[in-house]
Amino acid sequence: MAVTDSRRRIEVDRHAFLEYQISCPYCGAKVGPRAVTREHLDVPPNPPYAATVKCPKCGEIFEVLFRS
């Protein structure tokens, strides 16, 4: 069975993400809306509930889940 790296999915406040206050879990670079590669709109309460992000510094891809 494959083991998933716990850094691949982080839970953050949406407003902090919009203000670039969230750090990449791999290299520590600040990430925000410009790093989004895909928004996940299919789960309530308020879309987008999550986004796939590619770090502009190290290139790692991870998922950001927004807290309500």
C-alpha atoms as a PDB file:
ATOM      1  CA  MET A   1       0.000   0.000   0.000  1.00  0.00           C
ATOM      2  CA  ALA A   2       1.284   3.455  -0.913  1.00  0.00           C
ATOM      3  CA  VAL A   3       1.994   5.909   1.872  1.00  0.00           C
ATOM      4  CA  THR A   4       0.770   9.476   1.325  1.00  0.00           C
ATOM      5  CA  ASP A   5       2.996  12.333   2.466  1.00  0.00           C
ATOM      6  CA  SER A   6       1.025  14.277   5.104  1.00  0.00           C
ATOM      7  CA  ARG A   7       2.329  17.545   3.630  1.00  0.00           C
ATOM      8  CA  ARG A   8       0.350  16.940   0.405  1.00  0.00           C
ATOM      9  CA  ARG A   9      -2.840  18.204   2.083  1.00  0.00           C
ATOM     10  CA  ILE A  10      -2.902  21.185   4.431  1.00  0.00           C
ATOM     11  CA  GLU A  11      -5.879  22.937   6.037  1.00  0.00           C
ATOM     12  CA  VAL A  12      -5.788  26.742   6.118  1.00  0.00           C
ATOM     13  CA  ASP A  13      -7.964  29.813   6.553  1.00  0.00           C
ATOM     14  CA  ARG A  14      -9.214  31.055   3.164  1.00  0.00           C
ATOM     15  CA  HIS A  15      -8.541  34.719   3.982  1.00  0.00           C
ATOM     16  CA  ALA A  16      -4.949  33.960   5.009  1.00  0.00           C
ATOM     17  CA  PHE A  17      -4.457  32.134   1.701  1.00  0.00           C
ATOM     18  CA  LEU A  18      -5.834  35.093  -0.256  1.00  0.00           C
ATOM     19  CA  GLU A  19      -3.350  37.380   1.546  1.00  0.00           C
ATOM     20  CA  TYR A  20      -0.332  35.113   0.786  1.00  0.00           C
ATOM     21  CA  GLN A  21       0.171  34.285   4.472  1.00  0.00           C
ATOM     22  CA  ILE A  22       0.387  30.510   3.864  1.00  0.00           C
ATOM     23  CA  SER A  23       3.770  28.799   3.568  1.00  0.00           C
ATOM     24  CA  CYS A  24       4.612  25.899   1.280  1.00  0.00           C
ATOM     25  CA  PRO A  25       4.945  22.793   3.490  1.00  0.00           C
ATOM     26  CA  TYR A  26       8.081  21.760   1.549  1.00  0.00           C
ATOM     27  CA  CYS A  27      10.242  24.870   1.203  1.00  0.00           C
ATOM     28  CA  GLY A  28       8.494  27.562   3.277  1.00  0.00           C
ATOM     29  CA  ALA A  29       7.835  29.964   0.384  1.00  0.00           C
ATOM     30  CA  LYS A  30       4.652  32.030   0.674  1.00  0.00           C
ATOM     31  CA  VAL A  31       1.876  30.856  -1.665  1.00  0.00           C
ATOM     32  CA  GLY A  32      -1.486  32.311  -2.593  1.00  0.00           C
ATOM     33  CA  PRO A  33      -4.073  32.546  -5.358  1.00  0.00           C
ATOM     34  CA  ARG A  34      -1.563  32.918  -8.203  1.00  0.00           C
ATOM     35  CA  ALA A  35      -0.145  29.463  -7.412  1.00  0.00           C
ATOM     36  CA  VAL A  36      -3.534  27.728  -7.839  1.00  0.00           C
ATOM     37  CA  THR A  37      -3.682  25.191 -10.657  1.00  0.00           C
ATOM     38  CA  ARG A  38      -7.216  23.899  -9.946  1.00  0.00           C
ATOM     39  CA  GLU A  39     -10.155  24.855  -7.721  1.00  0.00           C
ATOM     40  CA  HIS A  40     -12.326  22.108  -6.242  1.00  0.00           C
ATOM     41  CA  LEU A  41     -15.947  23.250  -6.352  1.00  0.00           C
ATOM     42  CA  ASP A  42     -17.890  20.037  -5.797  1.00  0.00           C
ATOM     43  CA  VAL A  43     -18.243  19.916  -2.003  1.00  0.00           C
ATOM     44  CA  PRO A  44     -20.272  22.344   0.164  1.00  0.00           C
ATOM     45  CA  PRO A  45     -20.496  24.677   2.032  1.00  0.00           C
ATOM     46  CA  ASN A  46     -18.972  27.515  -0.015  1.00  0.00           C
ATOM     47  CA  PRO A  47     -17.027  26.812  -3.178  1.00  0.00           C
ATOM     48  CA  PRO A  48     -14.178  26.672  -3.647  1.00  0.00           C
ATOM     49  CA  TYR A  49     -13.647  24.370  -0.689  1.00  0.00           C
ATOM     50  CA  ALA A  50     -10.116  23.469  -1.758  1.00  0.00           C
ATOM     51  CA  ALA A  51      -7.453  24.244  -4.338  1.00  0.00           C
ATOM     52  CA  THR A  52      -4.538  22.408  -5.878  1.00  0.00           C
ATOM     53  CA  VAL A  53      -1.434  24.572  -5.576  1.00  0.00           C
ATOM     54  CA  LYS A  54       1.982  24.386  -7.246  1.00  0.00           C
ATOM     55  CA  CYS A  55       4.710  26.138  -5.280  1.00  0.00           C
ATOM     56  CA  PRO A  56       6.438  28.726  -7.495  1.00  0.00           C
ATOM     57  CA  LYS A  57       9.780  28.169  -5.734  1.00  0.00           C
ATOM     58  CA  CYS A  58      10.207  24.379  -5.375  1.00  0.00           C
ATOM     59  CA  GLY A  59       7.519  23.161  -7.802  1.00  0.00           C
ATOM     60  CA  GLU A  60       5.864  20.760  -5.336  1.00  0.00           C
ATOM     61  CA  ILE A  61       2.134  20.231  -5.810  1.00  0.00           C
ATOM     62  CA  PHE A  62      -0.154  20.033  -2.779  1.00  0.00           C
ATOM     63  CA  GLU A  63      -3.800  20.524  -1.860  1.00  0.00           C
ATOM     64  CA  VAL A  64      -5.031  23.392   0.286  1.00  0.00           C
ATOM     65  CA  LEU A  65      -8.310  22.757   2.141  1.00  0.00           C
ATOM     66  CA  PHE A  66     -10.148  25.877   3.271  1.00  0.00           C
ATOM     67  CA  ARG A  67     -11.634  25.964   6.773  1.00  0.00           C
ATOM     68  CA  SER A  68     -15.149  27.321   7.093  1.00  0.00           C
END
